[in-house]
PDB file of N, CA and C in Angstrom:
ATOM      1  N   MET A   1       0.820  -1.201   0.000  1.00  0.00           N
ATOM      2  CA  MET A   1       0.000   0.000   0.000  1.00  0.00           C
ATOM      3  C   MET A   1       0.863   1.263   0.000  1.00  0.00           C
ATOM      4  N   VAL A   2       1.959   1.237   0.707  1.00  0.00           N
ATOM      5  CA  VAL A   2       2.841   2.393   0.753  1.00  0.00           C
ATOM      6  C   VAL A   2       3.353   2.711  -0.648  1.00  0.00           C
ATOM      7  N   GLU A   3       3.706   1.667  -1.429  1.00  0.00           N
ATOM      8  CA  GLU A   3       4.191   1.880  -2.779  1.00  0.00           C
ATOM      9  C   GLU A   3       3.149   2.616  -3.615  1.00  0.00           C
ATOM     10  N   ASN A   4       1.894   2.256  -3.490  1.00  0.00           N
ATOM     11  CA  ASN A   4       0.840   2.933  -4.237  1.00  0.00           C
ATOM     12  C   ASN A   4       0.770   4.414  -3.882  1.00  0.00           C
ATOM     13  N   TYR A   5       0.919   4.729  -2.602  1.00  0.00           N
ATOM     14  CA  TYR A   5       0.903   6.128  -2.190  1.00  0.00           C
ATOM     15  C   TYR A   5       2.048   6.881  -2.844  1.00  0.00           C
ATOM     16  N   HIS A   6       3.217   6.280  -2.853  1.00  0.00           N
ATOM     17  CA  HIS A   6       4.379   6.941  -3.454  1.00  0.00           C
ATOM     18  C   HIS A   6       4.202   7.122  -4.956  1.00  0.00           C
ATOM     19  N   VAL A   7       3.606   6.145  -5.594  1.00  0.00           N
ATOM     20  CA  VAL A   7       3.351   6.257  -7.033  1.00  0.00           C
ATOM     21  C   VAL A   7       2.371   7.389  -7.290  1.00  0.00           C
ATOM     22  N   ILE A   8       1.318   7.448  -6.519  1.00  0.00           N
ATOM     23  CA  ILE A   8       0.321   8.514  -6.690  1.00  0.00           C
ATOM     24  C   ILE A   8       0.959   9.878  -6.460  1.00  0.00           C
ATOM     25  N   GLU A   9       1.765   9.978  -5.421  1.00  0.00           N
ATOM     26  CA  GLU A   9       2.440  11.237  -5.130  1.00  0.00           C
ATOM     27  C   GLU A   9       3.380  11.634  -6.267  1.00  0.00           C
ATOM     28  N   GLU A  10       4.151  10.676  -6.778  1.00  0.00           N
ATOM     29  CA  GLU A  10       5.055  10.956  -7.893  1.00  0.00           C
ATOM     30  C   GLU A  10       4.291  11.354  -9.144  1.00  0.00           C
ATOM     31  N   LYS A  11       3.156  10.694  -9.373  1.00  0.00           N
ATOM     32  CA  LYS A  11       2.347  11.028 -10.547  1.00  0.00           C
ATOM     33  C   LYS A  11       1.851  12.475 -10.466  1.00  0.00           C
ATOM     34  N   GLU A  12       1.409  12.879  -9.302  1.00  0.00           N
ATOM     35  CA  GLU A  12       0.908  14.242  -9.134  1.00  0.00           C
ATOM     36  C   GLU A  12       2.018  15.271  -9.331  1.00  0.00           C
ATOM     37  N   ILE A  13       3.184  14.987  -8.783  1.00  0.00           N
ATOM     38  CA  ILE A  13       4.325  15.900  -8.947  1.00  0.00           C
ATOM     39  C   ILE A  13       4.729  15.983 -10.410  1.00  0.00           C
ATOM     40  N   LEU A  14       4.844  14.841 -11.069  1.00  0.00           N
ATOM     41  CA  LEU A  14       5.230  14.809 -12.469  1.00  0.00           C
ATOM     42  C   LEU A  14       4.190  15.508 -13.348  1.00  0.00           C
ATOM     43  N   HIS A  15       2.939  15.360 -13.000  1.00  0.00           N
ATOM     44  CA  HIS A  15       1.865  16.025 -13.737  1.00  0.00           C
ATOM     45  C   HIS A  15       2.031  17.541 -13.658  1.00  0.00           C
ATOM     46  N   GLU A  16       2.345  18.045 -12.473  1.00  0.00           N
ATOM     47  CA  GLU A  16       2.548  19.491 -12.295  1.00  0.00           C
ATOM     48  C   GLU A  16       3.807  19.974 -13.004  1.00  0.00           C
ATOM     49  N   LEU A  17       4.873  19.201 -12.926  1.00  0.00           N
ATOM     50  CA  LEU A  17       6.101  19.577 -13.623  1.00  0.00           C
ATOM     51  C   LEU A  17       5.875  19.644 -15.135  1.00  0.00           C
ATOM     52  N   THR A  18       5.131  18.690 -15.649  1.00  0.00           N
ATOM     53  CA  THR A  18       4.840  18.671 -17.080  1.00  0.00           C
ATOM     54  C   THR A  18       3.940  19.837 -17.458  1.00  0.00           C
ATOM     55  N   ALA A  19       3.032  20.208 -16.583  1.00  0.00           N
ATOM     56  CA  ALA A  19       2.203  21.395 -16.835  1.00  0.00           C
ATOM     57  C   ALA A  19       3.087  22.631 -16.965  1.00  0.00           C
ATOM     58  N   GLY A  20       4.146  22.685 -16.171  1.00  0.00           N
ATOM     59  CA  GLY A  20       5.091  23.789 -16.269  1.00  0.00           C
ATOM     60  C   GLY A  20       5.782  23.815 -17.624  1.00  0.00           C
ATOM     61  N   LEU A  21       6.165  22.649 -18.134  1.00  0.00           N
ATOM     62  CA  LEU A  21       6.775  22.583 -19.464  1.00  0.00           C
ATOM     63  C   LEU A  21       5.794  23.054 -20.529  1.00  0.00           C
ATOM     64  N   LEU A  22       4.545  22.645 -20.393  1.00  0.00           N
ATOM     65  CA  LEU A  22       3.524  23.083 -21.354  1.00  0.00           C
ATOM     66  C   LEU A  22       3.365  24.596 -21.330  1.00  0.00           C
ATOM     67  N   SER A  23       3.421  25.173 -20.154  1.00  0.00           N
ATOM     68  CA  SER A  23       3.314  26.619 -20.029  1.00  0.00           C
ATOM     69  C   SER A  23       4.484  27.315 -20.719  1.00  0.00           C
ATOM     70  N   GLU A  24       5.688  26.803 -20.500  1.00  0.00           N
ATOM     71  CA  GLU A  24       6.863  27.371 -21.165  1.00  0.00           C
ATOM     72  C   GLU A  24       6.747  27.239 -22.681  1.00  0.00           C
ATOM     73  N   LEU A  25       6.258  26.102 -23.128  1.00  0.00           N
ATOM     74  CA  LEU A  25       6.111  25.875 -24.565  1.00  0.00           C
ATOM     75  C   LEU A  25       5.069  26.808 -25.163  1.00  0.00           C
ATOM     76  N   ARG A  26       3.958  26.990 -24.472  1.00  0.00           N
ATOM     77  CA  ARG A  26       2.935  27.930 -24.978  1.00  0.00           C
ATOM     78  C   ARG A  26       3.507  29.338 -25.075  1.00  0.00           C
ATOM     79  N   ARG A  27       4.315  29.746 -24.115  1.00  0.00           N
ATOM     80  CA  ARG A  27       4.955  31.054 -24.141  1.00  0.00           C
ATOM     81  C   ARG A  27       5.862  31.178 -25.376  1.00  0.00           C
ATOM     82  N   LEU A  28       6.650  30.145 -25.641  1.00  0.00           N
ATOM     83  CA  LEU A  28       7.522  30.138 -26.807  1.00  0.00           C
ATOM     84  C   LEU A  28       6.701  30.204 -28.095  1.00  0.00           C
ATOM     85  N   MET A  29       5.602  29.471 -28.121  1.00  0.00           N
ATOM     86  CA  MET A  29       4.753  29.480 -29.311  1.00  0.00           C
ATOM     87  C   MET A  29       4.155  30.868 -29.541  1.00  0.00           C
ATOM     88  N   ARG A  30       3.746  31.530 -28.479  1.00  0.00           N
ATOM     89  CA  ARG A  30       3.229  32.905 -28.621  1.00  0.00           C
ATOM     90  C   ARG A  30       4.314  33.839 -29.145  1.00  0.00           C
ATOM     91  N   GLN A  31       5.509  33.725 -28.602  1.00  0.00           N
ATOM     92  CA  GLN A  31       6.611  34.571 -29.042  1.00  0.00           C
ATOM     93  C   GLN A  31       6.946  34.349 -30.511  1.00  0.00           C
ATOM     94  N   GLN A  32       6.780  33.125 -30.966  1.00  0.00           N
ATOM     95  CA  GLN A  32       7.089  32.781 -32.354  1.00  0.00           C
ATOM     96  C   GLN A  32       5.861  32.895 -33.269  1.00  0.00           C
ATOM     97  N   HIS A  33       4.740  33.330 -32.701  1.00  0.00           N
ATOM     98  CA  HIS A  33       3.485  33.501 -33.445  1.00  0.00           C
ATOM     99  C   HIS A  33       3.033  32.191 -34.103  1.00  0.00           C
ATOM    100  N   VAL A  34       3.170  31.109 -33.364  1.00  0.00           N
ATOM    101  CA  VAL A  34       2.746  29.790 -33.835  1.00  0.00           C
ATOM    102  C   VAL A  34       1.391  29.488 -33.223  1.00  0.00           C
ATOM    103  N   LYS A  35       0.406  29.270 -34.082  1.00  0.00           N
ATOM    104  CA  LYS A  35      -0.938  28.910 -33.626  1.00  0.00           C
ATOM    105  C   LYS A  35      -1.196  27.461 -34.024  1.00  0.00           C
ATOM    106  N   ARG A  36      -1.482  26.648 -33.017  1.00  0.00           N
ATOM    107  CA  ARG A  36      -1.668  25.210 -33.258  1.00  0.00           C
ATOM    108  C   ARG A  36      -2.716  24.929 -34.310  1.00  0.00           C
ATOM    109  N   SER A  37      -3.833  25.634 -34.252  1.00  0.00           N
ATOM    110  CA  SER A  37      -4.923  25.358 -35.186  1.00  0.00           C
ATOM    111  C   SER A  37      -4.576  25.760 -36.616  1.00  0.00           C
ATOM    112  N   GLU A  38      -3.711  26.744 -36.757  1.00  0.00           N
ATOM    113  CA  GLU A  38      -3.353  27.237 -38.088  1.00  0.00           C
ATOM    114  C   GLU A  38      -2.068  26.614 -38.628  1.00  0.00           C
ATOM    115  N   GLN A  39      -1.253  26.058 -37.738  1.00  0.00           N
ATOM    116  CA  GLN A  39       0.037  25.501 -38.151  1.00  0.00           C
ATOM    117  C   GLN A  39       0.248  24.116 -37.525  1.00  0.00           C
ATOM    118  N   PRO A  40      -0.603  23.147 -37.914  1.00  0.00           N
ATOM    119  CA  PRO A  40      -0.533  21.829 -37.274  1.00  0.00           C
ATOM    120  C   PRO A  40       0.750  21.050 -37.577  1.00  0.00           C
ATOM    121  N   THR A  41       1.472  21.416 -38.612  1.00  0.00           N
ATOM    122  CA  THR A  41       2.690  20.684 -38.944  1.00  0.00           C
ATOM    123  C   THR A  41       3.957  21.383 -38.458  1.00  0.00           C
ATOM    124  N   HIS A  42       3.817  22.528 -37.824  1.00  0.00           N
ATOM    125  CA  HIS A  42       4.977  23.252 -37.292  1.00  0.00           C
ATOM    126  C   HIS A  42       5.632  22.409 -36.195  1.00  0.00           C
ATOM    127  N   ALA A  43       6.948  22.461 -36.101  1.00  0.00           N
ATOM    128  CA  ALA A  43       7.686  21.664 -35.104  1.00  0.00           C
ATOM    129  C   ALA A  43       7.215  21.940 -33.681  1.00  0.00           C
ATOM    130  N   LEU A  44       6.905  23.199 -33.379  1.00  0.00           N
ATOM    131  CA  LEU A  44       6.437  23.520 -32.028  1.00  0.00           C
ATOM    132  C   LEU A  44       5.054  22.931 -31.763  1.00  0.00           C
ATOM    133  N   THR A  45       4.199  22.936 -32.770  1.00  0.00           N
ATOM    134  CA  THR A  45       2.863  22.343 -32.616  1.00  0.00           C
ATOM    135  C   THR A  45       2.971  20.838 -32.409  1.00  0.00           C
ATOM    136  N   LYS A  46       3.815  20.205 -33.182  1.00  0.00           N
ATOM    137  CA  LYS A  46       3.994  18.753 -33.042  1.00  0.00           C
ATOM    138  C   LYS A  46       4.522  18.410 -31.652  1.00  0.00           C
ATOM    139  N   PHE A  47       5.489  19.189 -31.178  1.00  0.00           N
ATOM    140  CA  PHE A  47       6.031  18.934 -29.850  1.00  0.00           C
ATOM    141  C   PHE A  47       4.967  19.186 -28.781  1.00  0.00           C
ATOM    142  N   TYR A  48       4.176  20.234 -28.968  1.00  0.00           N
ATOM    143  CA  TYR A  48       3.103  20.532 -28.019  1.00  0.00           C
ATOM    144  C   TYR A  48       2.150  19.335 -27.916  1.00  0.00           C
ATOM    145  N   ASN A  49       1.761  18.784 -29.056  1.00  0.00           N
ATOM    146  CA  ASN A  49       0.828  17.653 -29.059  1.00  0.00           C
ATOM    147  C   ASN A  49       1.441  16.440 -28.361  1.00  0.00           C
ATOM    148  N   GLU A  50       2.723  16.203 -28.606  1.00  0.00           N
ATOM    149  CA  GLU A  50       3.422  15.091 -27.957  1.00  0.00           C
ATOM    150  C   GLU A  50       3.472  15.293 -26.439  1.00  0.00           C
ATOM    151  N   LEU A  51       3.821  16.503 -26.035  1.00  0.00           N
ATOM    152  CA  LEU A  51       3.916  16.802 -24.613  1.00  0.00           C
ATOM    153  C   LEU A  51       2.543  16.745 -23.944  1.00  0.00           C
ATOM    154  N   MET A  52       1.526  17.218 -24.622  1.00  0.00           N
ATOM    155  CA  MET A  52       0.163  17.167 -24.072  1.00  0.00           C
ATOM    156  C   MET A  52      -0.292  15.716 -23.912  1.00  0.00           C
ATOM    157  N   ASP A  53       0.013  14.874 -24.882  1.00  0.00           N
ATOM    158  CA  ASP A  53      -0.345  13.449 -24.766  1.00  0.00           C
ATOM    159  C   ASP A  53       0.314  12.830 -23.533  1.00  0.00           C
ATOM    160  N   PHE A  54       1.583  13.149 -23.335  1.00  0.00           N
ATOM    161  CA  PHE A  54       2.284  12.625 -22.159  1.00  0.00           C
ATOM    162  C   PHE A  54       1.651  13.162 -20.883  1.00  0.00           C
ATOM    163  N   HIS A  55       1.386  14.458 -20.848  1.00  0.00           N
ATOM    164  CA  HIS A  55       0.775  15.096 -19.675  1.00  0.00           C
ATOM    165  C   HIS A  55      -0.542  14.416 -19.316  1.00  0.00           C
ATOM    166  N   GLU A  56      -1.360  14.160 -20.317  1.00  0.00           N
ATOM    167  CA  GLU A  56      -2.660  13.534 -20.068  1.00  0.00           C
ATOM    168  C   GLU A  56      -2.521  12.077 -19.628  1.00  0.00           C
ATOM    169  N   SER A  57      -1.450  11.415 -20.034  1.00  0.00           N
ATOM    170  CA  SER A  57      -1.283   9.999 -19.685  1.00  0.00           C
ATOM    171  C   SER A  57      -0.779   9.794 -18.263  1.00  0.00           C
ATOM    172  N   ILE A  58      -0.184  10.809 -17.691  1.00  0.00           N
ATOM    173  CA  ILE A  58       0.453  10.654 -16.377  1.00  0.00           C
ATOM    174  C   ILE A  58      -0.541  10.203 -15.314  1.00  0.00           C
ATOM    175  N   LEU A  59      -1.694  10.829 -15.248  1.00  0.00           N
ATOM    176  CA  LEU A  59      -2.661  10.490 -14.207  1.00  0.00           C
ATOM    177  C   LEU A  59      -3.568   9.326 -14.591  1.00  0.00           C
ATOM    178  N   GLY A  60      -3.381   8.805 -15.784  1.00  0.00           N
ATOM    179  CA  GLY A  60      -4.183   7.666 -16.233  1.00  0.00           C
ATOM    180  C   GLY A  60      -3.655   6.357 -15.662  1.00  0.00           C
ATOM    181  N   ASN A  61      -3.956   5.275 -16.337  1.00  0.00           N
ATOM    182  CA  ASN A  61      -3.607   3.940 -15.853  1.00  0.00           C
ATOM    183  C   ASN A  61      -2.303   3.398 -16.417  1.00  0.00           C
ATOM    184  N   HIS A  62      -1.588   4.214 -17.183  1.00  0.00           N
ATOM    185  CA  HIS A  62      -0.363   3.717 -17.808  1.00  0.00           C
ATOM    186  C   HIS A  62       0.788   3.587 -16.817  1.00  0.00           C
ATOM    187  N   PHE A  63       0.911   4.508 -15.908  1.00  0.00           N
ATOM    188  CA  PHE A  63       2.024   4.518 -14.952  1.00  0.00           C
ATOM    189  C   PHE A  63       1.492   4.142 -13.568  1.00  0.00           C
ATOM    190  N   ASN A  64       1.705   2.886 -13.177  1.00  0.00           N
ATOM    191  CA  ASN A  64       1.105   2.387 -11.931  1.00  0.00           C
ATOM    192  C   ASN A  64       2.086   1.851 -10.905  1.00  0.00           C
ATOM    193  N   THR A  65       3.326   1.671 -11.306  1.00  0.00           N
ATOM    194  CA  THR A  65       4.312   1.096 -10.394  1.00  0.00           C
ATOM    195  C   THR A  65       5.529   2.025 -10.317  1.00  0.00           C
ATOM    196  N   ILE A  66       6.400   1.726  -9.384  1.00  0.00           N
ATOM    197  CA  ILE A  66       7.640   2.500  -9.276  1.00  0.00           C
ATOM    198  C   ILE A  66       8.436   2.379 -10.570  1.00  0.00           C
ATOM    199  N   LYS A  67       8.478   1.189 -11.143  1.00  0.00           N
ATOM    200  CA  LYS A  67       9.189   0.987 -12.412  1.00  0.00           C
ATOM    201  C   LYS A  67       8.559   1.831 -13.515  1.00  0.00           C
ATOM    202  N   ASP A  68       7.243   1.862 -13.577  1.00  0.00           N
ATOM    203  CA  ASP A  68       6.545   2.704 -14.552  1.00  0.00           C
ATOM    204  C   ASP A  68       6.905   4.173 -14.352  1.00  0.00           C
ATOM    205  N   MET A  69       6.998   4.587 -13.094  1.00  0.00           N
ATOM    206  CA  MET A  69       7.319   5.982 -12.800  1.00  0.00           C
ATOM    207  C   MET A  69       8.757   6.319 -13.174  1.00  0.00           C
ATOM    208  N   ASP A  70       9.644   5.344 -13.086  1.00  0.00           N
ATOM    209  CA  ASP A  70      11.014   5.564 -13.567  1.00  0.00           C
ATOM    210  C   ASP A  70      10.977   5.866 -15.062  1.00  0.00           C
ATOM    211  N   GLU A  71      10.158   5.113 -15.787  1.00  0.00           N
ATOM    212  CA  GLU A  71       9.987   5.346 -17.231  1.00  0.00           C
ATOM    213  C   GLU A  71       9.384   6.731 -17.478  1.00  0.00           C
ATOM    214  N   ALA A  72       8.370   7.080 -16.717  1.00  0.00           N
ATOM    215  CA  ALA A  72       7.707   8.380 -16.881  1.00  0.00           C
ATOM    216  C   ALA A  72       8.675   9.525 -16.583  1.00  0.00           C
ATOM    217  N   ASN A  73       9.488   9.363 -15.562  1.00  0.00           N
ATOM    218  CA  ASN A  73      10.471  10.393 -15.228  1.00  0.00           C
ATOM    219  C   ASN A  73      11.520  10.531 -16.325  1.00  0.00           C
ATOM    220  N   GLU A  74      11.881   9.429 -16.949  1.00  0.00           N
ATOM    221  CA  GLU A  74      12.827   9.482 -18.068  1.00  0.00           C
ATOM    222  C   GLU A  74      12.193  10.212 -19.261  1.00  0.00           C
ATOM    223  N   ILE A  75      10.932   9.954 -19.519  1.00  0.00           N
ATOM    224  CA  ILE A  75      10.223  10.669 -20.590  1.00  0.00           C
ATOM    225  C   ILE A  75      10.197  12.158 -20.271  1.00  0.00           C
ATOM    226  N   TYR A  76       9.909  12.499 -19.026  1.00  0.00           N
ATOM    227  CA  TYR A  76       9.886  13.904 -18.624  1.00  0.00           C
ATOM    228  C   TYR A  76      11.245  14.561 -18.864  1.00  0.00           C
ATOM    229  N   ARG A  77      12.314  13.893 -18.446  1.00  0.00           N
ATOM    230  CA  ARG A  77      13.652  14.464 -18.644  1.00  0.00           C
ATOM    231  C   ARG A  77      13.945  14.679 -20.125  1.00  0.00           C
ATOM    232  N   HIS A  78      13.520  13.734 -20.948  1.00  0.00           N
ATOM    233  CA  HIS A  78      13.710  13.869 -22.396  1.00  0.00           C
ATOM    234  C   HIS A  78      12.922  15.064 -22.932  1.00  0.00           C
ATOM    235  N   GLU A  79      11.670  15.183 -22.517  1.00  0.00           N
ATOM    236  CA  GLU A  79      10.814  16.280 -22.988  1.00  0.00           C
ATOM    237  C   GLU A  79      11.361  17.629 -22.516  1.00  0.00           C
ATOM    238  N   LYS A  80      11.866  17.682 -21.292  1.00  0.00           N
ATOM    239  CA  LYS A  80      12.444  18.917 -20.771  1.00  0.00           C
ATOM    240  C   LYS A  80      13.679  19.310 -21.586  1.00  0.00           C
ATOM    241  N   SER A  81      14.492  18.339 -21.908  1.00  0.00           N
ATOM    242  CA  SER A  81      15.679  18.584 -22.721  1.00  0.00           C
ATOM    243  C   SER A  81      15.293  19.040 -24.128  1.00  0.00           C
ATOM    244  N   GLU A  82      14.286  18.403 -24.687  1.00  0.00           N
ATOM    245  CA  GLU A  82      13.814  18.791 -26.022  1.00  0.00           C
ATOM    246  C   GLU A  82      13.296  20.227 -26.019  1.00  0.00           C
ATOM    247  N   LEU A  83      12.579  20.605 -24.981  1.00  0.00           N
ATOM    248  CA  LEU A  83      12.089  21.980 -24.881  1.00  0.00           C
ATOM    249  C   LEU A  83      13.260  22.951 -24.793  1.00  0.00           C
ATOM    250  N   ALA A  84      14.269  22.617 -24.022  1.00  0.00           N
ATOM    251  CA  ALA A  84      15.453  23.478 -23.920  1.00  0.00           C
ATOM    252  C   ALA A  84      16.103  23.641 -25.291  1.00  0.00           C
ATOM    253  N   ASN A  85      16.185  22.556 -26.052  1.00  0.00           N
ATOM    254  CA  ASN A  85      16.750  22.620 -27.396  1.00  0.00           C
ATOM    255  C   ASN A  85      15.915  23.512 -28.308  1.00  0.00           C
ATOM    256  N   LEU A  86      14.599  23.396 -28.230  1.00  0.00           N
ATOM    257  CA  LEU A  86      13.713  24.227 -29.048  1.00  0.00           C
ATOM    258  C   LEU A  86      13.842  25.699 -28.663  1.00  0.00           C
ATOM    259  N   LYS A  87      13.921  25.969 -27.381  1.00  0.00           N
ATOM    260  CA  LYS A  87      14.076  27.357 -26.939  1.00  0.00           C
ATOM    261  C   LYS A  87      15.380  27.933 -27.475  1.00  0.00           C
ATOM    262  N   GLU A  88      16.423  27.150 -27.433  1.00  0.00           N
ATOM    263  CA  GLU A  88      17.717  27.596 -27.961  1.00  0.00           C
ATOM    264  C   GLU A  88      17.621  27.823 -29.479  1.00  0.00           C
ATOM    265  N   GLN A  89      16.972  26.909 -30.151  1.00  0.00           N
ATOM    266  CA  GLN A  89      16.818  27.013 -31.612  1.00  0.00           C
ATOM    267  C   GLN A  89      16.055  28.263 -32.013  1.00  0.00           C
ATOM    268  N   TYR A  90      15.003  28.588 -31.288  1.00  0.00           N
ATOM    269  CA  TYR A  90      14.151  29.722 -31.665  1.00  0.00           C
ATOM    270  C   TYR A  90      14.605  31.045 -31.077  1.00  0.00           C
ATOM    271  N   HIS A  91      15.448  30.989 -30.055  1.00  0.00           N
ATOM    272  CA  HIS A  91      15.933  32.225 -29.450  1.00  0.00           C
ATOM    273  C   HIS A  91      17.414  32.481 -29.720  1.00  0.00           C
ATOM    274  N   GLY A  92      18.084  31.459 -30.242  1.00  0.00           N
ATOM    275  CA  GLY A  92      19.497  31.594 -30.591  1.00  0.00           C
ATOM    276  C   GLY A  92      20.331  31.782 -29.456  1.00  0.00           C
TER     277      GLY A  92
END
């Protein structure tokens, strides 16, 4: 039972951290005048959709164990790194 509590707690934290990445990405998209509905094939739009899918999956049934959360945390680290790369690319 303790493991389940820790998984739930980690899921909630990861969900909030990912929301922060989404916020940063939306800010970058505004600065670059990228509108998801008008530019569905733009790299920022594609990344936004990928990140949103991950964000929505965190609280679902996909990540249920400590091992699953290790995977989710690795995905988060990758997405955070990708966002940093995009910010560098668009801001030079």
